[in-house]
Amino acid sequence: MTKQNAGTAEEESPFGQEKYDDLWGRPGYLIRRLHQIHVGLFSEACGGLDLTAVQYAMLSVLFSGGGKFDQLSLSKAVGVDRTSGADVIKRLERRGLIAREPSTEDRRAFVVSITEQGKEVVRQVRPMMEAAQDRLVSPLTSRERDTFTRLLRKMIEANNDASRAPMA
């Protein structure tokens, strides 16, 4: 049996976590671990497509954003830092999934748009991504899922400024 925070039921750990109560009581550790699991589920669901969750997120923003984004705005929308965003954008451009062109407003900036091939990838991957998301939250009831998502959003919004890549 492991000790949980006050107000929650004690649960038996399938992983022997009682040895690691200190870790299993840290929200940051648990969030990092859940992220690792999500990445694994996404990779498994999208196996063979050579597409990361961040790459898909950028394509999704471009697909549903109805237009063009400068590189920095796109990176902020996804929540990645400028350097990582530029790297992801270059990889997507090399694959023909997005196009970059110099900004007419700022010569130093590039404007990014999704190509028809990129739109097709979004359409193809969406059901796979949804299956990975569903599998991630499958241990939760519908009500727990809503609560979990609401609490995650609340934490993200309250702490956004502390991120190395604050969302716009």
N, C-alpha and C. Protein backbone atom coordinates (compact mmCIF):
# COMPACT_ATOMS: atom_id res chain seq x y z
N MET A 1 0.84 -1.18 0.00
CA MET A 1 0.00 0.00 0.00
C MET A 1 0.89 1.24 0.00
N THR A 2 0.49 2.24 -0.73
CA THR A 2 1.24 3.48 -0.73
C THR A 2 0.41 4.57 -0.07
N LYS A 3 1.11 5.49 0.52
CA LYS A 3 0.42 6.62 1.12
C LYS A 3 0.21 7.66 0.03
N GLN A 4 -1.01 8.11 -0.08
CA GLN A 4 -1.34 9.14 -1.04
C GLN A 4 -1.54 10.44 -0.28
N ASN A 5 -1.68 11.54 -1.01
CA ASN A 5 -1.96 12.83 -0.38
C ASN A 5 -3.26 12.74 0.40
N ALA A 6 -3.38 13.55 1.42
CA ALA A 6 -4.60 13.56 2.22
C ALA A 6 -5.81 13.76 1.33
N GLY A 7 -6.85 13.03 1.62
CA GLY A 7 -8.09 13.18 0.87
C GLY A 7 -8.23 12.21 -0.27
N THR A 8 -7.19 11.39 -0.55
CA THR A 8 -7.31 10.40 -1.61
C THR A 8 -7.14 9.01 -1.01
N ALA A 9 -7.67 8.05 -1.70
CA ALA A 9 -7.62 6.67 -1.21
C ALA A 9 -6.22 6.09 -1.37
N GLU A 10 -5.89 5.18 -0.48
CA GLU A 10 -4.63 4.46 -0.63
C GLU A 10 -4.82 3.42 -1.72
N GLU A 11 -3.78 3.20 -2.51
CA GLU A 11 -3.84 2.24 -3.59
C GLU A 11 -2.64 1.32 -3.54
N GLU A 12 -2.85 0.11 -4.00
CA GLU A 12 -1.76 -0.85 -4.15
C GLU A 12 -1.02 -0.52 -5.43
N SER A 13 0.29 -0.47 -5.38
CA SER A 13 1.07 -0.13 -6.56
C SER A 13 1.48 -1.38 -7.31
N PRO A 14 1.24 -1.42 -8.61
CA PRO A 14 1.72 -2.56 -9.39
C PRO A 14 3.21 -2.48 -9.65
N PHE A 15 3.84 -1.34 -9.36
CA PHE A 15 5.25 -1.14 -9.66
C PHE A 15 6.12 -1.13 -8.42
N GLY A 16 5.57 -1.46 -7.28
CA GLY A 16 6.35 -1.39 -6.04
C GLY A 16 6.76 0.02 -5.71
N GLN A 17 5.89 0.97 -6.05
CA GLN A 17 6.25 2.37 -5.87
C GLN A 17 6.44 2.76 -4.42
N GLU A 18 5.97 1.91 -3.50
CA GLU A 18 6.16 2.26 -2.09
C GLU A 18 7.64 2.47 -1.77
N LYS A 19 8.51 1.86 -2.57
CA LYS A 19 9.94 2.06 -2.40
C LYS A 19 10.35 3.47 -2.83
N TYR A 20 9.50 4.09 -3.63
CA TYR A 20 9.83 5.38 -4.23
C TYR A 20 8.77 6.44 -3.92
N ASP A 21 8.22 6.37 -2.71
CA ASP A 21 7.18 7.33 -2.32
C ASP A 21 7.61 8.76 -2.60
N ASP A 22 8.89 9.04 -2.41
CA ASP A 22 9.36 10.40 -2.62
C ASP A 22 9.14 10.83 -4.07
N LEU A 23 9.48 9.96 -5.03
CA LEU A 23 9.26 10.28 -6.44
C LEU A 23 7.78 10.31 -6.79
N TRP A 24 7.05 9.30 -6.35
CA TRP A 24 5.65 9.16 -6.73
C TRP A 24 4.76 10.20 -6.06
N GLY A 25 5.32 11.01 -5.20
CA GLY A 25 4.58 12.11 -4.60
C GLY A 25 4.90 13.44 -5.25
N ARG A 26 5.75 13.43 -6.28
CA ARG A 26 6.16 14.67 -6.96
C ARG A 26 5.38 14.85 -8.25
N PRO A 27 4.55 15.89 -8.34
CA PRO A 27 3.80 16.11 -9.59
C PRO A 27 4.70 16.24 -10.81
N GLY A 28 5.83 16.92 -10.68
CA GLY A 28 6.72 17.09 -11.83
C GLY A 28 7.23 15.77 -12.36
N TYR A 29 7.62 14.87 -11.46
CA TYR A 29 8.09 13.55 -11.86
C TYR A 29 6.96 12.79 -12.57
N LEU A 30 5.77 12.83 -11.99
CA LEU A 30 4.64 12.11 -12.57
C LEU A 30 4.27 12.66 -13.95
N ILE A 31 4.33 13.97 -14.11
CA ILE A 31 4.02 14.58 -15.41
C ILE A 31 5.07 14.17 -16.43
N ARG A 32 6.35 14.18 -16.04
CA ARG A 32 7.41 13.76 -16.96
C ARG A 32 7.22 12.31 -17.37
N ARG A 33 6.89 11.46 -16.41
CA ARG A 33 6.69 10.04 -16.69
C ARG A 33 5.48 9.83 -17.61
N LEU A 34 4.40 10.57 -17.35
CA LEU A 34 3.22 10.46 -18.20
C LEU A 34 3.53 10.94 -19.61
N HIS A 35 4.35 11.98 -19.73
CA HIS A 35 4.76 12.46 -21.05
C HIS A 35 5.54 11.38 -21.80
N GLN A 36 6.43 10.68 -21.10
CA GLN A 36 7.18 9.60 -21.74
C GLN A 36 6.22 8.53 -22.27
N ILE A 37 5.22 8.22 -21.47
CA ILE A 37 4.24 7.21 -21.88
C ILE A 37 3.46 7.71 -23.10
N HIS A 38 3.06 8.97 -23.08
CA HIS A 38 2.33 9.55 -24.22
C HIS A 38 3.17 9.47 -25.50
N VAL A 39 4.44 9.84 -25.40
CA VAL A 39 5.31 9.79 -26.58
C VAL A 39 5.39 8.35 -27.11
N GLY A 40 5.50 7.39 -26.21
CA GLY A 40 5.53 5.98 -26.63
C GLY A 40 4.24 5.55 -27.31
N LEU A 41 3.11 5.95 -26.75
CA LEU A 41 1.81 5.60 -27.34
C LEU A 41 1.63 6.26 -28.70
N PHE A 42 2.04 7.52 -28.83
CA PHE A 42 1.95 8.22 -30.11
C PHE A 42 2.83 7.52 -31.15
N SER A 43 4.05 7.20 -30.76
CA SER A 43 4.98 6.53 -31.69
C SER A 43 4.44 5.18 -32.12
N GLU A 44 3.89 4.45 -31.17
CA GLU A 44 3.32 3.14 -31.48
C GLU A 44 2.13 3.27 -32.44
N ALA A 45 1.25 4.22 -32.17
CA ALA A 45 0.06 4.41 -33.01
C ALA A 45 0.43 4.88 -34.41
N CYS A 46 1.47 5.67 -34.51
CA CYS A 46 1.87 6.26 -35.79
C CYS A 46 3.12 5.59 -36.35
N GLY A 47 3.37 4.38 -35.92
CA GLY A 47 4.57 3.65 -36.32
C GLY A 47 4.78 3.66 -37.81
N GLY A 48 6.01 3.87 -38.20
CA GLY A 48 6.38 3.84 -39.60
C GLY A 48 6.16 5.14 -40.35
N LEU A 49 5.58 6.14 -39.70
CA LEU A 49 5.32 7.39 -40.39
C LEU A 49 6.42 8.42 -40.19
N ASP A 50 7.38 8.12 -39.34
CA ASP A 50 8.49 9.04 -39.08
C ASP A 50 7.98 10.44 -38.74
N LEU A 51 7.08 10.49 -37.74
CA LEU A 51 6.47 11.74 -37.34
C LEU A 51 6.41 11.80 -35.82
N THR A 52 6.92 12.88 -35.25
CA THR A 52 6.86 13.03 -33.80
C THR A 52 5.57 13.76 -33.41
N ALA A 53 5.25 13.70 -32.13
CA ALA A 53 4.06 14.39 -31.62
C ALA A 53 4.19 15.90 -31.83
N VAL A 54 5.38 16.45 -31.66
CA VAL A 54 5.58 17.89 -31.86
C VAL A 54 5.42 18.25 -33.34
N GLN A 55 5.95 17.43 -34.22
CA GLN A 55 5.77 17.68 -35.65
C GLN A 55 4.29 17.66 -36.01
N TYR A 56 3.57 16.67 -35.48
CA TYR A 56 2.14 16.59 -35.76
C TYR A 56 1.41 17.80 -35.18
N ALA A 57 1.82 18.24 -34.00
CA ALA A 57 1.18 19.41 -33.39
C ALA A 57 1.36 20.63 -34.29
N MET A 58 2.56 20.82 -34.83
CA MET A 58 2.78 21.97 -35.73
C MET A 58 1.93 21.86 -36.98
N LEU A 59 1.88 20.67 -37.57
CA LEU A 59 1.04 20.48 -38.75
C LEU A 59 -0.42 20.74 -38.42
N SER A 60 -0.86 20.30 -37.25
CA SER A 60 -2.26 20.50 -36.84
C SER A 60 -2.60 21.97 -36.68
N VAL A 61 -1.68 22.73 -36.08
CA VAL A 61 -1.91 24.16 -35.90
C VAL A 61 -2.00 24.83 -37.27
N LEU A 62 -1.10 24.48 -38.17
CA LEU A 62 -1.14 25.07 -39.51
C LEU A 62 -2.41 24.65 -40.25
N PHE A 63 -2.81 23.40 -40.10
CA PHE A 63 -3.99 22.87 -40.78
C PHE A 63 -5.26 23.58 -40.30
N SER A 64 -5.39 23.73 -39.00
CA SER A 64 -6.61 24.32 -38.46
C SER A 64 -6.51 25.83 -38.29
N GLY A 65 -5.29 26.37 -38.41
CA GLY A 65 -5.08 27.80 -38.21
C GLY A 65 -5.55 28.66 -39.36
N GLY A 66 -5.85 28.03 -40.48
CA GLY A 66 -6.42 28.76 -41.60
C GLY A 66 -5.52 29.82 -42.19
N GLY A 67 -4.27 29.56 -42.31
CA GLY A 67 -3.41 30.56 -42.92
C GLY A 67 -1.95 30.28 -42.68
N LYS A 68 -1.22 31.35 -42.57
CA LYS A 68 0.22 31.26 -42.42
C LYS A 68 0.61 31.79 -41.05
N PHE A 69 1.72 31.27 -40.56
CA PHE A 69 2.27 31.69 -39.27
C PHE A 69 3.74 32.03 -39.48
N ASP A 70 4.22 33.03 -38.78
CA ASP A 70 5.67 33.19 -38.76
C ASP A 70 6.21 32.09 -37.85
N GLN A 71 7.48 31.76 -38.03
CA GLN A 71 8.06 30.62 -37.31
C GLN A 71 7.93 30.76 -35.80
N LEU A 72 8.17 31.95 -35.27
CA LEU A 72 8.11 32.16 -33.83
C LEU A 72 6.69 31.97 -33.31
N SER A 73 5.70 32.50 -34.00
CA SER A 73 4.31 32.34 -33.57
C SER A 73 3.88 30.89 -33.60
N LEU A 74 4.32 30.16 -34.61
CA LEU A 74 3.99 28.74 -34.70
C LEU A 74 4.63 27.97 -33.54
N SER A 75 5.88 28.27 -33.26
CA SER A 75 6.57 27.60 -32.14
C SER A 75 5.87 27.89 -30.82
N LYS A 76 5.47 29.15 -30.62
CA LYS A 76 4.77 29.53 -29.39
C LYS A 76 3.41 28.84 -29.29
N ALA A 77 2.72 28.72 -30.41
CA ALA A 77 1.41 28.08 -30.41
C ALA A 77 1.50 26.63 -29.95
N VAL A 78 2.63 25.98 -30.27
CA VAL A 78 2.83 24.59 -29.92
C VAL A 78 3.52 24.46 -28.55
N GLY A 79 4.18 25.52 -28.12
CA GLY A 79 4.85 25.50 -26.83
C GLY A 79 6.26 24.95 -26.89
N VAL A 80 6.97 25.24 -27.98
CA VAL A 80 8.37 24.85 -28.07
C VAL A 80 9.21 26.12 -28.23
N ASP A 81 10.47 26.04 -27.80
CA ASP A 81 11.33 27.21 -27.89
C ASP A 81 11.70 27.49 -29.36
N ARG A 82 12.20 28.68 -29.59
CA ARG A 82 12.50 29.15 -30.95
C ARG A 82 13.44 28.21 -31.70
N THR A 83 14.51 27.78 -31.04
CA THR A 83 15.51 26.93 -31.70
C THR A 83 14.91 25.57 -32.07
N SER A 84 14.21 24.94 -31.11
CA SER A 84 13.59 23.64 -31.40
C SER A 84 12.53 23.78 -32.48
N GLY A 85 11.76 24.86 -32.42
CA GLY A 85 10.73 25.09 -33.43
C GLY A 85 11.33 25.22 -34.82
N ALA A 86 12.41 25.98 -34.93
CA ALA A 86 13.06 26.15 -36.23
C ALA A 86 13.57 24.82 -36.77
N ASP A 87 14.10 23.97 -35.88
CA ASP A 87 14.58 22.65 -36.29
C ASP A 87 13.44 21.78 -36.79
N VAL A 88 12.33 21.76 -36.06
CA VAL A 88 11.17 20.97 -36.47
C VAL A 88 10.63 21.48 -37.81
N ILE A 89 10.55 22.77 -37.95
CA ILE A 89 10.05 23.37 -39.20
C ILE A 89 10.95 22.98 -40.38
N LYS A 90 12.26 23.00 -40.19
CA LYS A 90 13.17 22.61 -41.27
C LYS A 90 12.95 21.16 -41.68
N ARG A 91 12.75 20.28 -40.68
CA ARG A 91 12.52 18.86 -40.99
C ARG A 91 11.21 18.68 -41.77
N LEU A 92 10.18 19.38 -41.34
CA LEU A 92 8.89 19.28 -42.04
C LEU A 92 8.98 19.85 -43.46
N GLU A 93 9.75 20.91 -43.62
CA GLU A 93 9.93 21.49 -44.95
C GLU A 93 10.68 20.52 -45.86
N ARG A 94 11.73 19.88 -45.35
CA ARG A 94 12.50 18.91 -46.15
C ARG A 94 11.61 17.78 -46.65
N ARG A 95 10.60 17.43 -45.86
CA ARG A 95 9.68 16.34 -46.24
C ARG A 95 8.55 16.83 -47.14
N GLY A 96 8.50 18.13 -47.41
CA GLY A 96 7.47 18.67 -48.28
C GLY A 96 6.11 18.84 -47.60
N LEU A 97 6.09 18.82 -46.27
CA LEU A 97 4.84 18.92 -45.53
C LEU A 97 4.45 20.37 -45.24
N ILE A 98 5.44 21.25 -45.24
CA ILE A 98 5.20 22.68 -45.07
C ILE A 98 6.07 23.43 -46.06
N ALA A 99 5.72 24.70 -46.26
CA ALA A 99 6.53 25.58 -47.12
C ALA A 99 6.90 26.80 -46.28
N ARG A 100 8.10 27.29 -46.50
CA ARG A 100 8.57 28.52 -45.84
C ARG A 100 8.88 29.54 -46.91
N GLU A 101 8.52 30.77 -46.61
CA GLU A 101 8.88 31.86 -47.52
C GLU A 101 9.23 33.07 -46.67
N PRO A 102 10.09 33.93 -47.19
CA PRO A 102 10.45 35.13 -46.41
C PRO A 102 9.21 35.99 -46.15
N SER A 103 9.17 36.56 -44.98
CA SER A 103 8.08 37.46 -44.62
C SER A 103 8.18 38.76 -45.42
N THR A 104 7.05 39.27 -45.83
CA THR A 104 7.05 40.56 -46.53
C THR A 104 7.15 41.71 -45.53
N GLU A 105 6.90 41.42 -44.25
CA GLU A 105 6.92 42.45 -43.21
C GLU A 105 8.24 42.53 -42.46
N ASP A 106 8.97 41.42 -42.41
CA ASP A 106 10.23 41.37 -41.67
C ASP A 106 11.19 40.46 -42.44
N ARG A 107 12.21 41.04 -43.02
CA ARG A 107 13.14 40.27 -43.85
C ARG A 107 13.85 39.16 -43.09
N ARG A 108 13.96 39.30 -41.78
CA ARG A 108 14.64 38.28 -40.98
C ARG A 108 13.74 37.08 -40.68
N ALA A 109 12.45 37.24 -40.87
CA ALA A 109 11.49 36.20 -40.49
C ALA A 109 11.03 35.39 -41.71
N PHE A 110 10.56 34.19 -41.40
CA PHE A 110 9.96 33.33 -42.41
C PHE A 110 8.51 33.08 -42.05
N VAL A 111 7.69 32.93 -43.07
CA VAL A 111 6.29 32.59 -42.90
C VAL A 111 6.13 31.13 -43.31
N VAL A 112 5.38 30.39 -42.50
CA VAL A 112 5.22 28.96 -42.70
C VAL A 112 3.77 28.66 -43.07
N SER A 113 3.58 27.77 -44.05
CA SER A 113 2.24 27.32 -44.41
C SER A 113 2.28 25.82 -44.67
N ILE A 114 1.14 25.18 -44.53
CA ILE A 114 1.07 23.73 -44.74
C ILE A 114 0.82 23.46 -46.23
N THR A 115 1.44 22.43 -46.75
CA THR A 115 1.26 22.04 -48.15
C THR A 115 0.08 21.05 -48.23
N GLU A 116 -0.32 20.75 -49.45
CA GLU A 116 -1.38 19.75 -49.64
C GLU A 116 -0.93 18.40 -49.08
N GLN A 117 0.34 18.08 -49.28
CA GLN A 117 0.88 16.82 -48.74
C GLN A 117 0.81 16.84 -47.21
N GLY A 118 1.11 17.98 -46.60
CA GLY A 118 1.02 18.12 -45.15
C GLY A 118 -0.40 17.96 -44.66
N LYS A 119 -1.36 18.53 -45.39
CA LYS A 119 -2.77 18.39 -45.03
C LYS A 119 -3.19 16.92 -45.07
N GLU A 120 -2.71 16.21 -46.07
CA GLU A 120 -3.05 14.79 -46.18
C GLU A 120 -2.47 14.00 -45.00
N VAL A 121 -1.26 14.34 -44.57
CA VAL A 121 -0.66 13.68 -43.41
C VAL A 121 -1.51 13.94 -42.16
N VAL A 122 -1.97 15.17 -41.98
CA VAL A 122 -2.81 15.49 -40.81
C VAL A 122 -4.07 14.63 -40.85
N ARG A 123 -4.71 14.54 -42.01
CA ARG A 123 -5.93 13.73 -42.14
C ARG A 123 -5.65 12.25 -41.85
N GLN A 124 -4.53 11.76 -42.33
CA GLN A 124 -4.16 10.36 -42.14
C GLN A 124 -3.83 10.06 -40.68
N VAL A 125 -3.12 10.96 -40.03
CA VAL A 125 -2.61 10.71 -38.68
C VAL A 125 -3.66 10.99 -37.60
N ARG A 126 -4.60 11.85 -37.88
CA ARG A 126 -5.57 12.24 -36.85
C ARG A 126 -6.23 11.05 -36.15
N PRO A 127 -6.76 10.06 -36.85
CA PRO A 127 -7.37 8.93 -36.14
C PRO A 127 -6.35 8.15 -35.29
N MET A 128 -5.11 8.09 -35.76
CA MET A 128 -4.06 7.41 -35.00
C MET A 128 -3.73 8.18 -33.73
N MET A 129 -3.63 9.50 -33.86
CA MET A 129 -3.36 10.36 -32.71
C MET A 129 -4.49 10.25 -31.71
N GLU A 130 -5.73 10.27 -32.20
CA GLU A 130 -6.88 10.16 -31.30
C GLU A 130 -6.88 8.82 -30.58
N ALA A 131 -6.49 7.75 -31.26
CA ALA A 131 -6.41 6.44 -30.62
C ALA A 131 -5.35 6.44 -29.51
N ALA A 132 -4.22 7.10 -29.77
CA ALA A 132 -3.17 7.19 -28.74
C ALA A 132 -3.67 8.00 -27.56
N GLN A 133 -4.37 9.11 -27.81
CA GLN A 133 -4.92 9.92 -26.73
C GLN A 133 -5.93 9.12 -25.92
N ASP A 134 -6.82 8.42 -26.62
CA ASP A 134 -7.83 7.61 -25.94
C ASP A 134 -7.18 6.53 -25.07
N ARG A 135 -6.14 5.91 -25.60
CA ARG A 135 -5.46 4.88 -24.82
C ARG A 135 -4.79 5.47 -23.59
N LEU A 136 -4.22 6.66 -23.72
CA LEU A 136 -3.57 7.32 -22.60
C LEU A 136 -4.54 7.54 -21.44
N VAL A 137 -5.74 8.00 -21.75
CA VAL A 137 -6.70 8.33 -20.69
C VAL A 137 -7.69 7.20 -20.43
N SER A 138 -7.50 6.06 -21.04
CA SER A 138 -8.45 4.96 -20.90
C SER A 138 -8.68 4.49 -19.46
N PRO A 139 -7.71 4.62 -18.55
CA PRO A 139 -8.00 4.20 -17.17
C PRO A 139 -8.99 5.12 -16.45
N LEU A 140 -9.28 6.28 -17.03
CA LEU A 140 -10.14 7.26 -16.38
C LEU A 140 -11.58 7.17 -16.89
N THR A 141 -12.52 7.48 -16.01
CA THR A 141 -13.91 7.60 -16.43
C THR A 141 -14.05 8.88 -17.24
N SER A 142 -15.18 9.03 -17.90
CA SER A 142 -15.43 10.24 -18.68
C SER A 142 -15.34 11.48 -17.79
N ARG A 143 -15.91 11.40 -16.62
CA ARG A 143 -15.87 12.53 -15.69
C ARG A 143 -14.44 12.82 -15.23
N GLU A 144 -13.69 11.76 -14.95
CA GLU A 144 -12.29 11.94 -14.54
C GLU A 144 -11.47 12.55 -15.67
N ARG A 145 -11.74 12.15 -16.91
CA ARG A 145 -11.03 12.72 -18.06
C ARG A 145 -11.26 14.22 -18.14
N ASP A 146 -12.53 14.62 -17.99
CA ASP A 146 -12.85 16.04 -18.04
C ASP A 146 -12.15 16.80 -16.93
N THR A 147 -12.16 16.23 -15.73
CA THR A 147 -11.51 16.87 -14.58
C THR A 147 -10.00 16.93 -14.80
N PHE A 148 -9.42 15.84 -15.25
CA PHE A 148 -7.98 15.77 -15.50
C PHE A 148 -7.57 16.83 -16.52
N THR A 149 -8.29 16.93 -17.61
CA THR A 149 -7.97 17.91 -18.65
C THR A 149 -8.13 19.33 -18.12
N ARG A 150 -9.21 19.56 -17.40
CA ARG A 150 -9.44 20.90 -16.83
C ARG A 150 -8.31 21.29 -15.88
N LEU A 151 -7.88 20.36 -15.03
CA LEU A 151 -6.80 20.65 -14.08
C LEU A 151 -5.46 20.86 -14.78
N LEU A 152 -5.18 20.07 -15.80
CA LEU A 152 -3.94 20.27 -16.57
C LEU A 152 -3.93 21.66 -17.19
N ARG A 153 -5.04 22.04 -17.81
CA ARG A 153 -5.11 23.36 -18.44
C ARG A 153 -4.93 24.47 -17.41
N LYS A 154 -5.54 24.30 -16.24
CA LYS A 154 -5.43 25.29 -15.18
C LYS A 154 -3.97 25.45 -14.75
N MET A 155 -3.27 24.33 -14.60
CA MET A 155 -1.86 24.38 -14.19
C MET A 155 -1.00 25.02 -15.28
N ILE A 156 -1.25 24.67 -16.52
CA ILE A 156 -0.48 25.22 -17.64
C ILE A 156 -0.70 26.73 -17.73
N GLU A 157 -1.94 27.16 -17.68
CA GLU A 157 -2.24 28.59 -17.78
C GLU A 157 -1.63 29.38 -16.62
N ALA A 158 -1.68 28.82 -15.41
CA ALA A 158 -1.15 29.52 -14.24
C ALA A 158 0.37 29.60 -14.25
N ASN A 159 1.02 28.64 -14.91
CA ASN A 159 2.48 28.57 -14.87
C ASN A 159 3.13 28.82 -16.23
N ASN A 160 2.38 29.26 -17.21
CA ASN A 160 2.89 29.45 -18.57
C ASN A 160 4.13 30.32 -18.61
N ASP A 161 4.17 31.39 -17.84
CA ASP A 161 5.30 32.31 -17.88
C ASP A 161 6.60 31.70 -17.38
N ALA A 162 6.52 30.60 -16.63
CA ALA A 162 7.71 29.95 -16.10
C ALA A 162 8.37 29.02 -17.13
N SER A 163 7.71 28.83 -18.26
CA SER A 163 8.21 27.92 -19.29
C SER A 163 9.36 28.54 -20.06
N ARG A 164 10.26 27.69 -20.55
CA ARG A 164 11.30 28.17 -21.46
C ARG A 164 10.69 28.56 -22.80
N ALA A 165 9.47 28.08 -23.05
CA ALA A 165 8.77 28.38 -24.30
C ALA A 165 7.32 28.72 -23.99
N PRO A 166 7.10 29.91 -23.39
CA PRO A 166 5.71 30.28 -23.06
C PRO A 166 4.84 30.32 -24.30
N MET A 167 3.64 29.82 -24.16
CA MET A 167 2.70 29.84 -25.27
C MET A 167 2.13 31.23 -25.43
N ALA A 168 1.86 31.58 -26.66
CA ALA A 168 1.34 32.92 -26.96
C ALA A 168 -0.07 33.09 -26.42
